[in-house]
Amino acid sequence: MENRYGTTSDMIVQEVENNGITHLIAIDSKGLYLTTQDRVDRMLADTNRYGVPRQKVNQALEELGLDPFQIFNANRHLIKTGSGQTKGKALNPIKASKRRA
């Protein structure tokens, strides 16, 4: 079952420490966001993902000395499409249906 509002481990880009607290940088189709380990791979919505404006996240990353645009561009291949597949080469449904037979 797909969790559209939660965070999975394949969405994690890197770990950062801020004021002694470890945060995880995660990516989705809207951009980067900061979350914590206790929110990863749970079938619950991650309030860090949808409850914080992404502009604030970008500002927080810049304050930590990171470039959010560079991180996003380097990891955009991790973004999942609506079907749960990562973005990449398009799949031809006709050929795929023949493979299953």
PDB file of N, CA and C in Angstrom:
ATOM      1  N   MET A   1       0.830  -1.173   0.000  1.00  0.00           N
ATOM      2  CA  MET A   1       0.000   0.000   0.000  1.00  0.00           C
ATOM      3  C   MET A   1       0.881   1.246   0.000  1.00  0.00           C
ATOM      4  N   GLU A   2       0.548   2.185  -0.859  1.00  0.00           N
ATOM      5  CA  GLU A   2       1.328   3.400  -1.002  1.00  0.00           C
ATOM      6  C   GLU A   2       0.959   4.399   0.094  1.00  0.00           C
ATOM      7  N   ASN A   3       1.952   5.054   0.643  1.00  0.00           N
ATOM      8  CA  ASN A   3       1.750   6.062   1.673  1.00  0.00           C
ATOM      9  C   ASN A   3       2.063   7.424   1.063  1.00  0.00           C
ATOM     10  N   ARG A   4       1.044   8.137   0.624  1.00  0.00           N
ATOM     11  CA  ARG A   4       1.240   9.392  -0.095  1.00  0.00           C
ATOM     12  C   ARG A   4       1.673  10.536   0.798  1.00  0.00           C
ATOM     13  N   TYR A   5       1.471  10.440   2.101  1.00  0.00           N
ATOM     14  CA  TYR A   5       1.770  11.550   2.993  1.00  0.00           C
ATOM     15  C   TYR A   5       2.919  11.266   3.953  1.00  0.00           C
ATOM     16  N   GLY A   6       3.382  10.049   3.962  1.00  0.00           N
ATOM     17  CA  GLY A   6       4.457   9.676   4.862  1.00  0.00           C
ATOM     18  C   GLY A   6       5.815   9.762   4.187  1.00  0.00           C
ATOM     19  N   THR A   7       6.845   9.441   4.945  1.00  0.00           N
ATOM     20  CA  THR A   7       8.215   9.456   4.448  1.00  0.00           C
ATOM     21  C   THR A   7       8.756   8.036   4.481  1.00  0.00           C
ATOM     22  N   THR A   8       9.353   7.605   3.375  1.00  0.00           N
ATOM     23  CA  THR A   8       9.971   6.291   3.318  1.00  0.00           C
ATOM     24  C   THR A   8      11.493   6.448   3.231  1.00  0.00           C
ATOM     25  N   SER A   9      12.202   5.403   3.552  1.00  0.00           N
ATOM     26  CA  SER A   9      13.664   5.487   3.600  1.00  0.00           C
ATOM     27  C   SER A   9      14.283   5.787   2.236  1.00  0.00           C
ATOM     28  N   ASP A  10      13.599   5.436   1.143  1.00  0.00           N
ATOM     29  CA  ASP A  10      14.153   5.737  -0.173  1.00  0.00           C
ATOM     30  C   ASP A  10      13.983   7.208  -0.555  1.00  0.00           C
ATOM     31  N   MET A  11      13.333   7.999   0.272  1.00  0.00           N
ATOM     32  CA  MET A  11      13.184   9.429   0.036  1.00  0.00           C
ATOM     33  C   MET A  11      14.275  10.242   0.749  1.00  0.00           C
ATOM     34  N   ILE A  12      15.044   9.596   1.604  1.00  0.00           N
ATOM     35  CA  ILE A  12      16.059  10.287   2.398  1.00  0.00           C
ATOM     36  C   ILE A  12      17.279  10.584   1.533  1.00  0.00           C
ATOM     37  N   VAL A  13      17.721  11.836   1.584  1.00  0.00           N
ATOM     38  CA  VAL A  13      18.867  12.280   0.796  1.00  0.00           C
ATOM     39  C   VAL A  13      20.134  12.272   1.643  1.00  0.00           C
ATOM     40  N   GLN A  14      20.072  12.909   2.805  1.00  0.00           N
ATOM     41  CA  GLN A  14      21.234  12.927   3.689  1.00  0.00           C
ATOM     42  C   GLN A  14      20.809  13.321   5.086  1.00  0.00           C
ATOM     43  N   GLU A  15      21.757  13.169   6.014  1.00  0.00           N
ATOM     44  CA  GLU A  15      21.541  13.482   7.416  1.00  0.00           C
ATOM     45  C   GLU A  15      22.271  14.775   7.745  1.00  0.00           C
ATOM     46  N   VAL A  16      21.632  15.650   8.525  1.00  0.00           N
ATOM     47  CA  VAL A  16      22.286  16.882   8.974  1.00  0.00           C
ATOM     48  C   VAL A  16      22.027  17.046  10.463  1.00  0.00           C
ATOM     49  N   GLU A  17      22.929  17.748  11.129  1.00  0.00           N
ATOM     50  CA  GLU A  17      22.758  18.001  12.550  1.00  0.00           C
ATOM     51  C   GLU A  17      22.609  19.492  12.769  1.00  0.00           C
ATOM     52  N   ASN A  18      21.590  19.868  13.557  1.00  0.00           N
ATOM     53  CA  ASN A  18      21.311  21.260  13.842  1.00  0.00           C
ATOM     54  C   ASN A  18      21.024  21.389  15.333  1.00  0.00           C
ATOM     55  N   ASN A  19      21.862  22.125  16.055  1.00  0.00           N
ATOM     56  CA  ASN A  19      21.706  22.324  17.499  1.00  0.00           C
ATOM     57  C   ASN A  19      21.630  21.002  18.260  1.00  0.00           C
ATOM     58  N   GLY A  20      22.436  20.051  17.870  1.00  0.00           N
ATOM     59  CA  GLY A  20      22.481  18.766  18.546  1.00  0.00           C
ATOM     60  C   GLY A  20      21.360  17.810  18.175  1.00  0.00           C
ATOM     61  N   ILE A  21      20.489  18.203  17.258  1.00  0.00           N
ATOM     62  CA  ILE A  21      19.386  17.352  16.827  1.00  0.00           C
ATOM     63  C   ILE A  21      19.669  16.869  15.404  1.00  0.00           C
ATOM     64  N   THR A  22      19.533  15.574  15.188  1.00  0.00           N
ATOM     65  CA  THR A  22      19.759  15.008  13.865  1.00  0.00           C
ATOM     66  C   THR A  22      18.474  15.075  13.059  1.00  0.00           C
ATOM     67  N   HIS A  23      18.563  15.714  11.899  1.00  0.00           N
ATOM     68  CA  HIS A  23      17.440  15.801  10.963  1.00  0.00           C
ATOM     69  C   HIS A  23      17.829  15.066   9.696  1.00  0.00           C
ATOM     70  N   LEU A  24      16.837  14.601   8.974  1.00  0.00           N
ATOM     71  CA  LEU A  24      17.052  13.943   7.697  1.00  0.00           C
ATOM     72  C   LEU A  24      16.489  14.832   6.602  1.00  0.00           C
ATOM     73  N   ILE A  25      17.262  15.020   5.551  1.00  0.00           N
ATOM     74  CA  ILE A  25      16.767  15.753   4.387  1.00  0.00           C
ATOM     75  C   ILE A  25      16.105  14.729   3.485  1.00  0.00           C
ATOM     76  N   ALA A  26      14.830  14.968   3.174  1.00  0.00           N
ATOM     77  CA  ALA A  26      14.072  14.070   2.310  1.00  0.00           C
ATOM     78  C   ALA A  26      13.582  14.853   1.100  1.00  0.00           C
ATOM     79  N   ILE A  27      13.212  14.133   0.047  1.00  0.00           N
ATOM     80  CA  ILE A  27      12.795  14.761  -1.204  1.00  0.00           C
ATOM     81  C   ILE A  27      11.473  14.163  -1.671  1.00  0.00           C
ATOM     82  N   ASP A  28      10.627  15.026  -2.215  1.00  0.00           N
ATOM     83  CA  ASP A  28       9.420  14.584  -2.904  1.00  0.00           C
ATOM     84  C   ASP A  28       9.185  15.523  -4.081  1.00  0.00           C
ATOM     85  N   SER A  29       8.059  15.390  -4.739  1.00  0.00           N
ATOM     86  CA  SER A  29       7.819  16.171  -5.951  1.00  0.00           C
ATOM     87  C   SER A  29       7.712  17.676  -5.681  1.00  0.00           C
ATOM     88  N   LYS A  30       7.477  18.065  -4.450  1.00  0.00           N
ATOM     89  CA  LYS A  30       7.382  19.484  -4.108  1.00  0.00           C
ATOM     90  C   LYS A  30       8.716  20.092  -3.703  1.00  0.00           C
ATOM     91  N   GLY A  31       9.713  19.277  -3.471  1.00  0.00           N
ATOM     92  CA  GLY A  31      11.029  19.778  -3.096  1.00  0.00           C
ATOM     93  C   GLY A  31      11.602  19.028  -1.909  1.00  0.00           C
ATOM     94  N   LEU A  32      12.486  19.706  -1.188  1.00  0.00           N
ATOM     95  CA  LEU A  32      13.150  19.119  -0.033  1.00  0.00           C
ATOM     96  C   LEU A  32      12.386  19.465   1.239  1.00  0.00           C
ATOM     97  N   TYR A  33      12.513  18.603   2.230  1.00  0.00           N
ATOM     98  CA  TYR A  33      11.975  18.898   3.552  1.00  0.00           C
ATOM     99  C   TYR A  33      12.802  18.184   4.600  1.00  0.00           C
ATOM    100  N   LEU A  34      12.734  18.688   5.826  1.00  0.00           N
ATOM    101  CA  LEU A  34      13.467  18.108   6.944  1.00  0.00           C
ATOM    102  C   LEU A  34      12.511  17.274   7.780  1.00  0.00           C
ATOM    103  N   THR A  35      12.959  16.097   8.167  1.00  0.00           N
ATOM    104  CA  THR A  35      12.154  15.222   9.004  1.00  0.00           C
ATOM    105  C   THR A  35      13.058  14.560  10.034  1.00  0.00           C
ATOM    106  N   THR A  36      12.502  13.716  10.854  1.00  0.00           N
ATOM    107  CA  THR A  36      13.267  13.002  11.869  1.00  0.00           C
ATOM    108  C   THR A  36      13.126  11.495  11.650  1.00  0.00           C
ATOM    109  N   GLN A  37      14.037  10.741  12.238  1.00  0.00           N
ATOM    110  CA  GLN A  37      14.079   9.294  12.024  1.00  0.00           C
ATOM    111  C   GLN A  37      12.805   8.602  12.494  1.00  0.00           C
ATOM    112  N   ASP A  38      12.152   9.132  13.526  1.00  0.00           N
ATOM    113  CA  ASP A  38      10.950   8.480  14.032  1.00  0.00           C
ATOM    114  C   ASP A  38       9.754   8.591  13.079  1.00  0.00           C
ATOM    115  N   ARG A  39       9.869   9.394  12.023  1.00  0.00           N
ATOM    116  CA  ARG A  39       8.797   9.547  11.036  1.00  0.00           C
ATOM    117  C   ARG A  39       9.020   8.717   9.772  1.00  0.00           C
ATOM    118  N   VAL A  40      10.155   8.064   9.662  1.00  0.00           N
ATOM    119  CA  VAL A  40      10.511   7.333   8.442  1.00  0.00           C
ATOM    120  C   VAL A  40       9.965   5.904   8.491  1.00  0.00           C
ATOM    121  N   ASP A  41       9.415   5.463   7.357  1.00  0.00           N
ATOM    122  CA  ASP A  41       8.901   4.102   7.172  1.00  0.00           C
ATOM    123  C   ASP A  41       7.779   3.735   8.142  1.00  0.00           C
ATOM    124  N   ARG A  42       6.958   4.697   8.460  1.00  0.00           N
ATOM    125  CA  ARG A  42       5.767   4.442   9.262  1.00  0.00           C
ATOM    126  C   ARG A  42       4.560   4.711   8.380  1.00  0.00           C
ATOM    127  N   MET A  43       3.501   4.044   8.618  1.00  0.00           N
ATOM    128  CA  MET A  43       2.292   4.235   7.808  1.00  0.00           C
ATOM    129  C   MET A  43       1.450   5.390   8.353  1.00  0.00           C
ATOM    130  N   LEU A  44       2.129   6.436   8.786  1.00  0.00           N
ATOM    131  CA  LEU A  44       1.477   7.640   9.291  1.00  0.00           C
ATOM    132  C   LEU A  44       1.922   8.825   8.457  1.00  0.00           C
ATOM    133  N   ALA A  45       1.089   9.840   8.415  1.00  0.00           N
ATOM    134  CA  ALA A  45       1.464  11.066   7.709  1.00  0.00           C
ATOM    135  C   ALA A  45       2.612  11.739   8.442  1.00  0.00           C
ATOM    136  N   ASP A  46       3.530  12.287   7.692  1.00  0.00           N
ATOM    137  CA  ASP A  46       4.680  13.007   8.244  1.00  0.00           C
ATOM    138  C   ASP A  46       4.353  14.498   8.217  1.00  0.00           C
ATOM    139  N   THR A  47       4.082  15.062   9.383  1.00  0.00           N
ATOM    140  CA  THR A  47       3.728  16.487   9.440  1.00  0.00           C
ATOM    141  C   THR A  47       4.876  17.372   8.990  1.00  0.00           C
ATOM    142  N   ASN A  48       6.088  16.870   9.045  1.00  0.00           N
ATOM    143  CA  ASN A  48       7.230  17.645   8.544  1.00  0.00           C
ATOM    144  C   ASN A  48       7.170  17.774   7.029  1.00  0.00           C
ATOM    145  N   ARG A  49       6.504  16.841   6.384  1.00  0.00           N
ATOM    146  CA  ARG A  49       6.428  16.833   4.921  1.00  0.00           C
ATOM    147  C   ARG A  49       5.381  17.818   4.394  1.00  0.00           C
ATOM    148  N   TYR A  50       4.230  17.868   5.008  1.00  0.00           N
ATOM    149  CA  TYR A  50       3.180  18.723   4.466  1.00  0.00           C
ATOM    150  C   TYR A  50       2.834  19.911   5.356  1.00  0.00           C
ATOM    151  N   GLY A  51       3.372  19.991   6.560  1.00  0.00           N
ATOM    152  CA  GLY A  51       3.001  21.043   7.491  1.00  0.00           C
ATOM    153  C   GLY A  51       3.945  22.227   7.552  1.00  0.00           C
ATOM    154  N   VAL A  52       5.055  22.171   6.817  1.00  0.00           N
ATOM    155  CA  VAL A  52       6.041  23.241   6.854  1.00  0.00           C
ATOM    156  C   VAL A  52       6.240  23.779   5.439  1.00  0.00           C
ATOM    157  N   PRO A  53       6.151  25.108   5.260  1.00  0.00           N
ATOM    158  CA  PRO A  53       6.398  25.676   3.921  1.00  0.00           C
ATOM    159  C   PRO A  53       7.810  25.354   3.441  1.00  0.00           C
ATOM    160  N   ARG A  54       7.934  24.985   2.187  1.00  0.00           N
ATOM    161  CA  ARG A  54       9.225  24.579   1.634  1.00  0.00           C
ATOM    162  C   ARG A  54      10.221  25.741   1.601  1.00  0.00           C
ATOM    163  N   GLN A  55       9.734  26.986   1.550  1.00  0.00           N
ATOM    164  CA  GLN A  55      10.649  28.137   1.581  1.00  0.00           C
ATOM    165  C   GLN A  55      11.397  28.187   2.905  1.00  0.00           C
ATOM    166  N   LYS A  56      10.717  27.855   4.000  1.00  0.00           N
ATOM    167  CA  LYS A  56      11.370  27.830   5.312  1.00  0.00           C
ATOM    168  C   LYS A  56      12.418  26.726   5.369  1.00  0.00           C
ATOM    169  N   VAL A  57      12.120  25.609   4.744  1.00  0.00           N
ATOM    170  CA  VAL A  57      13.085  24.507   4.707  1.00  0.00           C
ATOM    171  C   VAL A  57      14.330  24.934   3.936  1.00  0.00           C
ATOM    172  N   ASN A  58      14.128  25.588   2.783  1.00  0.00           N
ATOM    173  CA  ASN A  58      15.263  26.060   1.993  1.00  0.00           C
ATOM    174  C   ASN A  58      16.096  27.056   2.782  1.00  0.00           C
ATOM    175  N   GLN A  59      15.455  27.956   3.539  1.00  0.00           N
ATOM    176  CA  GLN A  59      16.186  28.916   4.366  1.00  0.00           C
ATOM    177  C   GLN A  59      16.970  28.203   5.459  1.00  0.00           C
ATOM    178  N   ALA A  60      16.362  27.192   6.083  1.00  0.00           N
ATOM    179  CA  ALA A  60      17.051  26.434   7.131  1.00  0.00           C
ATOM    180  C   ALA A  60      18.276  25.714   6.572  1.00  0.00           C
ATOM    181  N   LEU A  61      18.145  25.149   5.368  1.00  0.00           N
ATOM    182  CA  LEU A  61      19.281  24.463   4.754  1.00  0.00           C
ATOM    183  C   LEU A  61      20.398  25.449   4.416  1.00  0.00           C
ATOM    184  N   GLU A  62      20.031  26.634   3.936  1.00  0.00           N
ATOM    185  CA  GLU A  62      21.040  27.647   3.638  1.00  0.00           C
ATOM    186  C   GLU A  62      21.754  28.099   4.905  1.00  0.00           C
ATOM    187  N   GLU A  63      21.034  28.203   6.025  1.00  0.00           N
ATOM    188  CA  GLU A  63      21.649  28.567   7.302  1.00  0.00           C
ATOM    189  C   GLU A  63      22.636  27.504   7.768  1.00  0.00           C
ATOM    190  N   LEU A  64      22.409  26.269   7.360  1.00  0.00           N
ATOM    191  CA  LEU A  64      23.326  25.180   7.691  1.00  0.00           C
ATOM    192  C   LEU A  64      24.502  25.103   6.719  1.00  0.00           C
ATOM    193  N   GLY A  65      24.533  26.006   5.746  1.00  0.00           N
ATOM    194  CA  GLY A  65      25.622  26.024   4.777  1.00  0.00           C
ATOM    195  C   GLY A  65      25.425  25.086   3.597  1.00  0.00           C
ATOM    196  N   LEU A  66      24.202  24.667   3.364  1.00  0.00           N
ATOM    197  CA  LEU A  66      23.902  23.760   2.251  1.00  0.00           C
ATOM    198  C   LEU A  66      23.167  24.505   1.156  1.00  0.00           C
ATOM    199  N   ASP A  67      23.303  24.040  -0.071  1.00  0.00           N
ATOM    200  CA  ASP A  67      22.609  24.630  -1.210  1.00  0.00           C
ATOM    201  C   ASP A  67      21.406  23.756  -1.556  1.00  0.00           C
ATOM    202  N   PRO A  68      20.181  24.189  -1.200  1.00  0.00           N
ATOM    203  CA  PRO A  68      19.009  23.335  -1.435  1.00  0.00           C
ATOM    204  C   PRO A  68      18.750  23.033  -2.903  1.00  0.00           C
ATOM    205  N   PHE A  69      19.052  23.957  -3.790  1.00  0.00           N
ATOM    206  CA  PHE A  69      18.806  23.722  -5.214  1.00  0.00           C
ATOM    207  C   PHE A  69      19.773  22.682  -5.769  1.00  0.00           C
ATOM    208  N   GLN A  70      21.013  22.720  -5.322  1.00  0.00           N
ATOM    209  CA  GLN A  70      21.987  21.730  -5.759  1.00  0.00           C
ATOM    210  C   GLN A  70      21.619  20.343  -5.219  1.00  0.00           C
ATOM    211  N   ILE A  71      21.196  20.280  -3.961  1.00  0.00           N
ATOM    212  CA  ILE A  71      20.794  18.995  -3.371  1.00  0.00           C
ATOM    213  C   ILE A  71      19.587  18.429  -4.106  1.00  0.00           C
ATOM    214  N   PHE A  72      18.607  19.293  -4.405  1.00  0.00           N
ATOM    215  CA  PHE A  72      17.412  18.839  -5.108  1.00  0.00           C
ATOM    216  C   PHE A  72      17.759  18.307  -6.495  1.00  0.00           C
ATOM    217  N   ASN A  73      18.553  19.062  -7.250  1.00  0.00           N
ATOM    218  CA  ASN A  73      18.899  18.642  -8.610  1.00  0.00           C
ATOM    219  C   ASN A  73      19.727  17.362  -8.627  1.00  0.00           C
ATOM    220  N   ALA A  74      20.578  17.184  -7.627  1.00  0.00           N
ATOM    221  CA  ALA A  74      21.412  15.980  -7.577  1.00  0.00           C
ATOM    222  C   ALA A  74      20.614  14.733  -7.195  1.00  0.00           C
ATOM    223  N   ASN A  75      19.444  14.934  -6.567  1.00  0.00           N
ATOM    224  CA  ASN A  75      18.673  13.795  -6.069  1.00  0.00           C
ATOM    225  C   ASN A  75      17.271  13.697  -6.648  1.00  0.00           C
ATOM    226  N   ARG A  76      16.997  14.428  -7.709  1.00  0.00           N
ATOM    227  CA  ARG A  76      15.644  14.405  -8.275  1.00  0.00           C
ATOM    228  C   ARG A  76      15.273  13.040  -8.848  1.00  0.00           C
ATOM    229  N   HIS A  77      16.248  12.181  -9.107  1.00  0.00           N
ATOM    230  CA  HIS A  77      15.949  10.837  -9.592  1.00  0.00           C
ATOM    231  C   HIS A  77      15.247   9.985  -8.531  1.00  0.00           C
ATOM    232  N   LEU A  78      15.258  10.410  -7.273  1.00  0.00           N
ATOM    233  CA  LEU A  78      14.608   9.676  -6.191  1.00  0.00           C
ATOM    234  C   LEU A  78      13.114   9.976  -6.084  1.00  0.00           C
ATOM    235  N   ILE A  79      12.652  10.983  -6.805  1.00  0.00           N
ATOM    236  CA  ILE A  79      11.255  11.386  -6.713  1.00  0.00           C
ATOM    237  C   ILE A  79      10.378  10.324  -7.352  1.00  0.00           C
ATOM    238  N   LYS A  80       9.339   9.921  -6.620  1.00  0.00           N
ATOM    239  CA  LYS A  80       8.418   8.912  -7.135  1.00  0.00           C
ATOM    240  C   LYS A  80       7.284   9.587  -7.879  1.00  0.00           C
ATOM    241  N   THR A  81       6.816   8.917  -8.919  1.00  0.00           N
ATOM    242  CA  THR A  81       5.639   9.388  -9.643  1.00  0.00           C
ATOM    243  C   THR A  81       4.402   8.904  -8.900  1.00  0.00           C
ATOM    244  N   GLY A  82       3.234   9.242  -9.389  1.00  0.00           N
ATOM    245  CA  GLY A  82       1.989   8.841  -8.742  1.00  0.00           C
ATOM    246  C   GLY A  82       1.810   7.341  -8.641  1.00  0.00           C
ATOM    247  N   SER A  83       2.427   6.585  -9.521  1.00  0.00           N
ATOM    248  CA  SER A  83       2.281   5.132  -9.499  1.00  0.00           C
ATOM    249  C   SER A  83       3.282   4.460  -8.568  1.00  0.00           C
ATOM    250  N   GLY A  84       4.110   5.257  -7.887  1.00  0.00           N
ATOM    251  CA  GLY A  84       5.087   4.680  -6.976  1.00  0.00           C
ATOM    252  C   GLY A  84       6.420   4.370  -7.632  1.00  0.00           C
ATOM    253  N   GLN A  85       6.533   4.568  -8.937  1.00  0.00           N
ATOM    254  CA  GLN A  85       7.793   4.333  -9.620  1.00  0.00           C
ATOM    255  C   GLN A  85       8.616   5.613  -9.593  1.00  0.00           C
ATOM    256  N   THR A  86       9.919   5.466  -9.599  1.00  0.00           N
ATOM    257  CA  THR A  86      10.759   6.648  -9.668  1.00  0.00           C
ATOM    258  C   THR A  86      10.737   7.192 -11.077  1.00  0.00           C
ATOM    259  N   LYS A  87      10.927   8.502 -11.182  1.00  0.00           N
ATOM    260  CA  LYS A  87      10.934   9.115 -12.503  1.00  0.00           C
ATOM    261  C   LYS A  87      12.127   8.597 -13.282  1.00  0.00           C
ATOM    262  N   GLY A  88      11.964   8.434 -14.532  1.00  0.00           N
ATOM    263  CA  GLY A  88      13.041   7.929 -15.361  1.00  0.00           C
ATOM    264  C   GLY A  88      12.506   7.609 -16.736  1.00  0.00           C
ATOM    265  N   LYS A  89      13.060   6.580 -17.329  1.00  0.00           N
ATOM    266  CA  LYS A  89      12.625   6.184 -18.658  1.00  0.00           C
ATOM    267  C   LYS A  89      11.169   5.740 -18.623  1.00  0.00           C
ATOM    268  N   ALA A  90      10.388   6.240 -19.577  1.00  0.00           N
ATOM    269  CA  ALA A  90       8.965   5.898 -19.645  1.00  0.00           C
ATOM    270  C   ALA A  90       8.794   4.428 -19.995  1.00  0.00           C
ATOM    271  N   LEU A  91       7.809   3.818 -19.404  1.00  0.00           N
ATOM    272  CA  LEU A  91       7.519   2.418 -19.639  1.00  0.00           C
ATOM    273  C   LEU A  91       6.388   2.316 -20.659  1.00  0.00           C
ATOM    274  N   ASN A  92       6.608   1.545 -21.708  1.00  0.00           N
ATOM    275  CA  ASN A  92       5.589   1.344 -22.719  1.00  0.00           C
ATOM    276  C   ASN A  92       4.605   0.300 -22.197  1.00  0.00           C
ATOM    277  N   PRO A  93       3.330   0.681 -21.957  1.00  0.00           N
ATOM    278  CA  PRO A  93       2.386  -0.278 -21.365  1.00  0.00           C
ATOM    279  C   PRO A  93       2.096  -1.479 -22.253  1.00  0.00           C
ATOM    280  N   ILE A  94       2.199  -1.323 -23.558  1.00  0.00           N
ATOM    281  CA  ILE A  94       1.940  -2.455 -24.458  1.00  0.00           C
ATOM    282  C   ILE A  94       3.044  -3.495 -24.312  1.00  0.00           C
ATOM    283  N   LYS A  95       4.278  -3.047 -24.295  1.00  0.00           N
ATOM    284  CA  LYS A  95       5.379  -3.987 -24.122  1.00  0.00           C
ATOM    285  C   LYS A  95       5.354  -4.610 -22.718  1.00  0.00           C
ATOM    286  N   ALA A  96       4.980  -3.821 -21.743  1.00  0.00           N
ATOM    287  CA  ALA A  96       4.931  -4.348 -20.372  1.00  0.00           C
ATOM    288  C   ALA A  96       3.867  -5.428 -20.251  1.00  0.00           C
ATOM    289  N   SER A  97       2.727  -5.245 -20.912  1.00  0.00           N
ATOM    290  CA  SER A  97       1.679  -6.252 -20.813  1.00  0.00           C
ATOM    291  C   SER A  97       2.106  -7.549 -21.498  1.00  0.00           C
ATOM    292  N   LYS A  98       2.929  -7.482 -22.514  1.00  0.00           N
ATOM    293  CA  LYS A  98       3.404  -8.677 -23.199  1.00  0.00           C
ATOM    294  C   LYS A  98       4.429  -9.424 -22.342  1.00  0.00           C
ATOM    295  N   ARG A  99       5.147  -8.718 -21.486  1.00  0.00           N
ATOM    296  CA  ARG A  99       6.135  -9.355 -20.627  1.00  0.00           C
ATOM    297  C   ARG A  99       5.487 -10.237 -19.575  1.00  0.00           C
ATOM    298  N   ARG A 100       4.312  -9.866 -19.163  1.00  0.00           N
ATOM    299  CA  ARG A 100       3.626 -10.615 -18.097  1.00  0.00           C
ATOM    300  C   ARG A 100       3.046 -11.933 -18.598  1.00  0.00           C
ATOM    301  N   ALA A 101       2.829 -12.026 -19.869  1.00  0.00           N
ATOM    302  CA  ALA A 101       2.180 -13.216 -20.415  1.00  0.00           C
ATOM    303  C   ALA A 101       3.090 -14.410 -20.455  1.00  0.00           C
TER     304      ALA A 101
END
